[in-house]
Amino acid sequence: MSCLLFQMDGFQRHFDSQIISYGKQVIVNLVNQKGSEKPLEQTFSQMVNSLANGMVRYVAFDFHKECSRMRWHRLQILVDQLAEQQDEFGYFLVDSDGKVVIQQEGIFRSNCMDCLDRTNVIQSLLARRSLQAQLQVESIPRVFFPSDLCALLGLY
C-alpha cells in the first residue's frame, strides 16, 4: 500500500471521528496561496476534495495577501463567506434549568503555517459574530466592546 493511501486513510478516519463528535466541519485554511506554502494549500485542498463528504467544506483564504499593508477590513470578505454556514451551525444554549435549548451542529477549524496569530484573529471574529447572534436572540442590543479585536482592527 502506498504512503498516499495510508495518509488518505488516516485523513478519512480523522474526519469521520470529528464529524461524529462535532458535526459538520468547515476547514478555513489561512496559508499563503503562493510561495513555499502553496504546495501545502494545494495538497490539503485535494485531500479534502477526495473525501467527497458533504459534511466537510474547505475554504482557502490567503490571509497575508488579503490583509497586507494593514488592510484588516478585508477580513470581512472571509467572515461573509462563512456567515451562512455559521448561521446554519447555530450555537449551544441551555436554559436556567439546564435544558438544552439550541444545539450547535458544526465547527470551524482554522489553520495557518507558522503561528497562531492568523487563526486567533479569524476565530475571534467568528466568536464575536456568534456572541452578537446570541445577544440578539436574548433581545440585548448590539454590544460594542471598545477593546475588542474588531474595534482595534477598525472593522466596525
C-alpha atoms as a PDB file:
ATOM      1  CA  MET A   1       0.000   0.000   0.000  1.00  0.00           C
ATOM      2  CA  SER A   2       1.419   3.391  -0.937  1.00  0.00           C
ATOM      3  CA  CYS A   3       2.214   6.172   1.514  1.00  0.00           C
ATOM      4  CA  LEU A   4      -0.530   8.360  -0.013  1.00  0.00           C
ATOM      5  CA  LEU A   5      -3.162   5.675   0.625  1.00  0.00           C
ATOM      6  CA  PHE A   6      -2.079   5.424   4.269  1.00  0.00           C
ATOM      7  CA  GLN A   7      -2.283   9.197   4.582  1.00  0.00           C
ATOM      8  CA  MET A   8      -5.703   9.347   2.951  1.00  0.00           C
ATOM      9  CA  ASP A   9      -6.962   6.528   5.167  1.00  0.00           C
ATOM     10  CA  GLY A  10      -5.832   8.391   8.282  1.00  0.00           C
ATOM     11  CA  PHE A  11      -7.275  11.639   6.945  1.00  0.00           C
ATOM     12  CA  GLN A  12     -10.620   9.937   6.305  1.00  0.00           C
ATOM     13  CA  ARG A  13     -10.719   8.304   9.742  1.00  0.00           C
ATOM     14  CA  HIS A  14      -9.822  11.597  11.411  1.00  0.00           C
ATOM     15  CA  PHE A  15     -12.683  13.471   9.779  1.00  0.00           C
ATOM     16  CA  ASP A  16     -15.142  10.629  10.366  1.00  0.00           C
ATOM     17  CA  SER A  17     -14.288  10.871  14.068  1.00  0.00           C
ATOM     18  CA  GLN A  18     -14.564  14.671  14.077  1.00  0.00           C
ATOM     19  CA  ILE A  19     -17.960  14.578  12.367  1.00  0.00           C
ATOM     20  CA  ILE A  20     -19.279  12.122  14.962  1.00  0.00           C
ATOM     21  CA  SER A  21     -18.067  14.378  17.775  1.00  0.00           C
ATOM     22  CA  TYR A  22     -18.793  17.847  16.381  1.00  0.00           C
ATOM     23  CA  GLY A  23     -20.999  17.620  13.300  1.00  0.00           C
ATOM     24  CA  LYS A  24     -20.238  19.487  10.104  1.00  0.00           C
ATOM     25  CA  GLN A  25     -16.716  20.805   9.610  1.00  0.00           C
ATOM     26  CA  VAL A  26     -15.593  23.939   7.825  1.00  0.00           C
ATOM     27  CA  ILE A  27     -11.855  23.991   7.294  1.00  0.00           C
ATOM     28  CA  VAL A  28     -10.578  27.550   7.000  1.00  0.00           C
ATOM     29  CA  ASN A  29      -7.083  27.345   5.553  1.00  0.00           C
ATOM     30  CA  LEU A  30      -5.220  30.622   6.061  1.00  0.00           C
ATOM     31  CA  VAL A  31      -1.883  29.699   4.491  1.00  0.00           C
ATOM     32  CA  ASN A  32      -0.344  31.705   1.689  1.00  0.00           C
ATOM     33  CA  GLN A  33      -1.535  30.530  -1.705  1.00  0.00           C
ATOM     34  CA  LYS A  34       1.833  31.243  -3.297  1.00  0.00           C
ATOM     35  CA  GLY A  35       5.459  30.707  -2.411  1.00  0.00           C
ATOM     36  CA  SER A  36       6.581  27.948  -0.077  1.00  0.00           C
ATOM     37  CA  GLU A  37       3.120  27.461   1.459  1.00  0.00           C
ATOM     38  CA  LYS A  38       1.349  26.948  -1.886  1.00  0.00           C
ATOM     39  CA  PRO A  39       2.051  23.173  -2.176  1.00  0.00           C
ATOM     40  CA  LEU A  40       0.628  22.611   1.314  1.00  0.00           C
ATOM     41  CA  GLU A  41      -2.534  24.534   0.469  1.00  0.00           C
ATOM     42  CA  GLN A  42      -2.962  22.629  -2.795  1.00  0.00           C
ATOM     43  CA  THR A  43      -2.413  19.231  -1.172  1.00  0.00           C
ATOM     44  CA  PHE A  44      -4.773  19.983   1.703  1.00  0.00           C
ATOM     45  CA  SER A  45      -7.447  21.133  -0.751  1.00  0.00           C
ATOM     46  CA  GLN A  46      -7.018  17.990  -2.872  1.00  0.00           C
ATOM     47  CA  MET A  47      -7.243  15.710   0.163  1.00  0.00           C
ATOM     48  CA  VAL A  48     -10.448  17.385   1.386  1.00  0.00           C
ATOM     49  CA  ASN A  49     -11.953  17.200  -2.098  1.00  0.00           C
ATOM     50  CA  SER A  50     -11.001  13.499  -2.247  1.00  0.00           C
ATOM     51  CA  LEU A  51     -13.110  12.885   0.849  1.00  0.00           C
ATOM     52  CA  ALA A  52     -16.182  13.796  -1.206  1.00  0.00           C
ATOM     53  CA  ASN A  53     -18.003  14.304   2.082  1.00  0.00           C
ATOM     54  CA  GLY A  54     -20.815  16.856   2.225  1.00  0.00           C
ATOM     55  CA  MET A  55     -20.141  17.269   5.946  1.00  0.00           C
ATOM     56  CA  VAL A  56     -16.700  18.792   5.269  1.00  0.00           C
ATOM     57  CA  ARG A  57     -16.221  22.112   3.484  1.00  0.00           C
ATOM     58  CA  TYR A  58     -12.868  23.652   2.587  1.00  0.00           C
ATOM     59  CA  VAL A  59     -12.319  27.414   2.397  1.00  0.00           C
ATOM     60  CA  ALA A  60      -8.944  28.860   1.447  1.00  0.00           C
ATOM     61  CA  PHE A  61      -8.189  32.456   2.379  1.00  0.00           C
ATOM     62  CA  ASP A  62      -4.745  33.880   1.728  1.00  0.00           C
ATOM     63  CA  PHE A  63      -4.573  35.960   4.897  1.00  0.00           C
ATOM     64  CA  HIS A  64      -1.307  37.710   4.092  1.00  0.00           C
ATOM     65  CA  LYS A  65      -2.333  38.630   0.556  1.00  0.00           C
ATOM     66  CA  GLU A  66      -5.763  39.889   1.555  1.00  0.00           C
ATOM     67  CA  CYS A  67      -4.654  41.815   4.639  1.00  0.00           C
ATOM     68  CA  SER A  68      -1.257  43.089   3.544  1.00  0.00           C
ATOM     69  CA  ARG A  69      -0.490  46.755   4.176  1.00  0.00           C
ATOM     70  CA  MET A  70      -2.828  46.833   7.207  1.00  0.00           C
ATOM     71  CA  ARG A  71      -5.990  46.173   5.155  1.00  0.00           C
ATOM     72  CA  TRP A  72      -7.724  44.469   8.098  1.00  0.00           C
ATOM     73  CA  HIS A  73     -11.148  45.403   6.746  1.00  0.00           C
ATOM     74  CA  ARG A  74     -10.624  42.679   4.129  1.00  0.00           C
ATOM     75  CA  LEU A  75     -11.188  40.041   6.826  1.00  0.00           C
ATOM     76  CA  GLN A  76     -14.859  40.812   6.302  1.00  0.00           C
ATOM     77  CA  ILE A  77     -14.576  39.002   2.946  1.00  0.00           C
ATOM     78  CA  LEU A  78     -13.906  35.757   4.798  1.00  0.00           C
ATOM     79  CA  VAL A  79     -16.497  36.412   7.510  1.00  0.00           C
ATOM     80  CA  ASP A  80     -19.090  36.998   4.769  1.00  0.00           C
ATOM     81  CA  GLN A  81     -18.058  33.728   3.080  1.00  0.00           C
ATOM     82  CA  LEU A  82     -18.608  31.849   6.347  1.00  0.00           C
ATOM     83  CA  ALA A  83     -21.695  33.679   7.625  1.00  0.00           C
ATOM     84  CA  GLU A  84     -24.386  31.463   6.129  1.00  0.00           C
ATOM     85  CA  GLN A  85     -22.684  28.303   7.362  1.00  0.00           C
ATOM     86  CA  GLN A  86     -22.189  29.837  10.821  1.00  0.00           C
ATOM     87  CA  ASP A  87     -25.881  30.722  11.000  1.00  0.00           C
ATOM     88  CA  GLU A  88     -26.739  27.154   9.975  1.00  0.00           C
ATOM     89  CA  PHE A  89     -24.478  25.706  12.689  1.00  0.00           C
ATOM     90  CA  GLY A  90     -26.107  27.769  15.397  1.00  0.00           C
ATOM     91  CA  TYR A  91     -24.628  27.693  18.877  1.00  0.00           C
ATOM     92  CA  PHE A  92     -25.065  25.761  22.106  1.00  0.00           C
ATOM     93  CA  LEU A  93     -27.566  27.217  24.578  1.00  0.00           C
ATOM     94  CA  VAL A  94     -29.046  25.869  27.797  1.00  0.00           C
ATOM     95  CA  ASP A  95     -31.761  27.494  29.892  1.00  0.00           C
ATOM     96  CA  SER A  96     -31.608  28.176  33.625  1.00  0.00           C
ATOM     97  CA  ASP A  97     -32.944  24.669  34.310  1.00  0.00           C
ATOM     98  CA  GLY A  98     -30.099  23.068  32.366  1.00  0.00           C
ATOM     99  CA  LYS A  99     -32.321  22.083  29.430  1.00  0.00           C
ATOM    100  CA  VAL A 100     -30.646  22.284  26.022  1.00  0.00           C
ATOM    101  CA  VAL A 101     -32.479  24.923  24.005  1.00  0.00           C
ATOM    102  CA  ILE A 102     -30.193  25.099  20.967  1.00  0.00           C
ATOM    103  CA  GLN A 103     -27.657  22.515  19.846  1.00  0.00           C
ATOM    104  CA  GLN A 104     -24.654  23.617  17.770  1.00  0.00           C
ATOM    105  CA  GLU A 105     -24.322  21.499  14.642  1.00  0.00           C
ATOM    106  CA  GLY A 106     -20.861  22.207  13.299  1.00  0.00           C
ATOM    107  CA  ILE A 107     -17.467  23.798  13.849  1.00  0.00           C
ATOM    108  CA  PHE A 108     -14.879  25.939  12.115  1.00  0.00           C
ATOM    109  CA  ARG A 109     -11.323  24.621  12.027  1.00  0.00           C
ATOM    110  CA  SER A 110      -8.729  27.195  11.113  1.00  0.00           C
ATOM    111  CA  ASN A 111      -5.084  26.658  10.391  1.00  0.00           C
ATOM    112  CA  CYS A 112      -2.033  28.503   9.241  1.00  0.00           C
ATOM    113  CA  MET A 113       1.593  27.623   8.820  1.00  0.00           C
ATOM    114  CA  ASP A 114       3.825  29.425  11.240  1.00  0.00           C
ATOM    115  CA  CYS A 115       1.884  30.899  14.125  1.00  0.00           C
ATOM    116  CA  LEU A 116      -1.473  31.189  15.803  1.00  0.00           C
ATOM    117  CA  ASP A 117      -1.991  34.864  15.030  1.00  0.00           C
ATOM    118  CA  ARG A 118      -3.993  34.279  11.867  1.00  0.00           C
ATOM    119  CA  THR A 119      -6.134  31.540  13.403  1.00  0.00           C
ATOM    120  CA  ASN A 120      -6.761  33.580  16.545  1.00  0.00           C
ATOM    121  CA  VAL A 121      -7.917  36.572  14.520  1.00  0.00           C
ATOM    122  CA  ILE A 122     -10.388  34.501  12.493  1.00  0.00           C
ATOM    123  CA  GLN A 123     -11.691  32.514  15.467  1.00  0.00           C
ATOM    124  CA  SER A 124     -12.157  35.795  17.383  1.00  0.00           C
ATOM    125  CA  LEU A 125     -14.185  37.283  14.543  1.00  0.00           C
ATOM    126  CA  LEU A 126     -16.383  34.177  14.360  1.00  0.00           C
ATOM    127  CA  ALA A 127     -16.809  34.166  18.147  1.00  0.00           C
ATOM    128  CA  ARG A 128     -17.794  37.838  18.119  1.00  0.00           C
ATOM    129  CA  ARG A 129     -20.365  37.198  15.394  1.00  0.00           C
ATOM    130  CA  SER A 130     -21.763  34.264  17.365  1.00  0.00           C
ATOM    131  CA  LEU A 131     -21.977  36.339  20.547  1.00  0.00           C
ATOM    132  CA  GLN A 132     -23.847  39.080  18.703  1.00  0.00           C
ATOM    133  CA  ALA A 133     -26.364  36.495  17.424  1.00  0.00           C
ATOM    134  CA  GLN A 134     -26.865  35.126  20.932  1.00  0.00           C
ATOM    135  CA  LEU A 135     -27.372  38.602  22.393  1.00  0.00           C
ATOM    136  CA  GLN A 136     -29.869  39.413  19.651  1.00  0.00           C
ATOM    137  CA  VAL A 137     -31.911  36.297  20.473  1.00  0.00           C
ATOM    138  CA  GLU A 138     -31.971  37.452  24.098  1.00  0.00           C
ATOM    139  CA  SER A 139     -33.164  40.917  22.924  1.00  0.00           C
ATOM    140  CA  ILE A 140     -29.960  42.588  24.033  1.00  0.00           C
ATOM    141  CA  PRO A 141     -28.999  45.352  21.607  1.00  0.00           C
ATOM    142  CA  ARG A 142     -25.788  45.167  19.663  1.00  0.00           C
ATOM    143  CA  VAL A 143     -22.871  45.495  22.037  1.00  0.00           C
ATOM    144  CA  PHE A 144     -19.680  47.265  21.070  1.00  0.00           C
ATOM    145  CA  PHE A 145     -16.641  46.417  23.126  1.00  0.00           C
ATOM    146  CA  PRO A 146     -14.076  49.236  22.908  1.00  0.00           C
ATOM    147  CA  SER A 147     -11.204  46.832  23.395  1.00  0.00           C
ATOM    148  CA  ASP A 148     -12.431  44.069  21.136  1.00  0.00           C
ATOM    149  CA  LEU A 149     -10.443  42.884  18.174  1.00  0.00           C
ATOM    150  CA  CYS A 150     -12.764  44.359  15.592  1.00  0.00           C
ATOM    151  CA  ALA A 151     -12.549  47.847  17.078  1.00  0.00           C
ATOM    152  CA  LEU A 152      -8.780  47.574  17.197  1.00  0.00           C
ATOM    153  CA  LEU A 153      -8.691  46.497  13.569  1.00  0.00           C
ATOM    154  CA  GLY A 154     -11.168  49.165  12.522  1.00  0.00           C
ATOM    155  CA  LEU A 155     -13.720  46.664  11.219  1.00  0.00           C
ATOM    156  CA  TYR A 156     -16.697  48.414  12.837  1.00  0.00           C
END
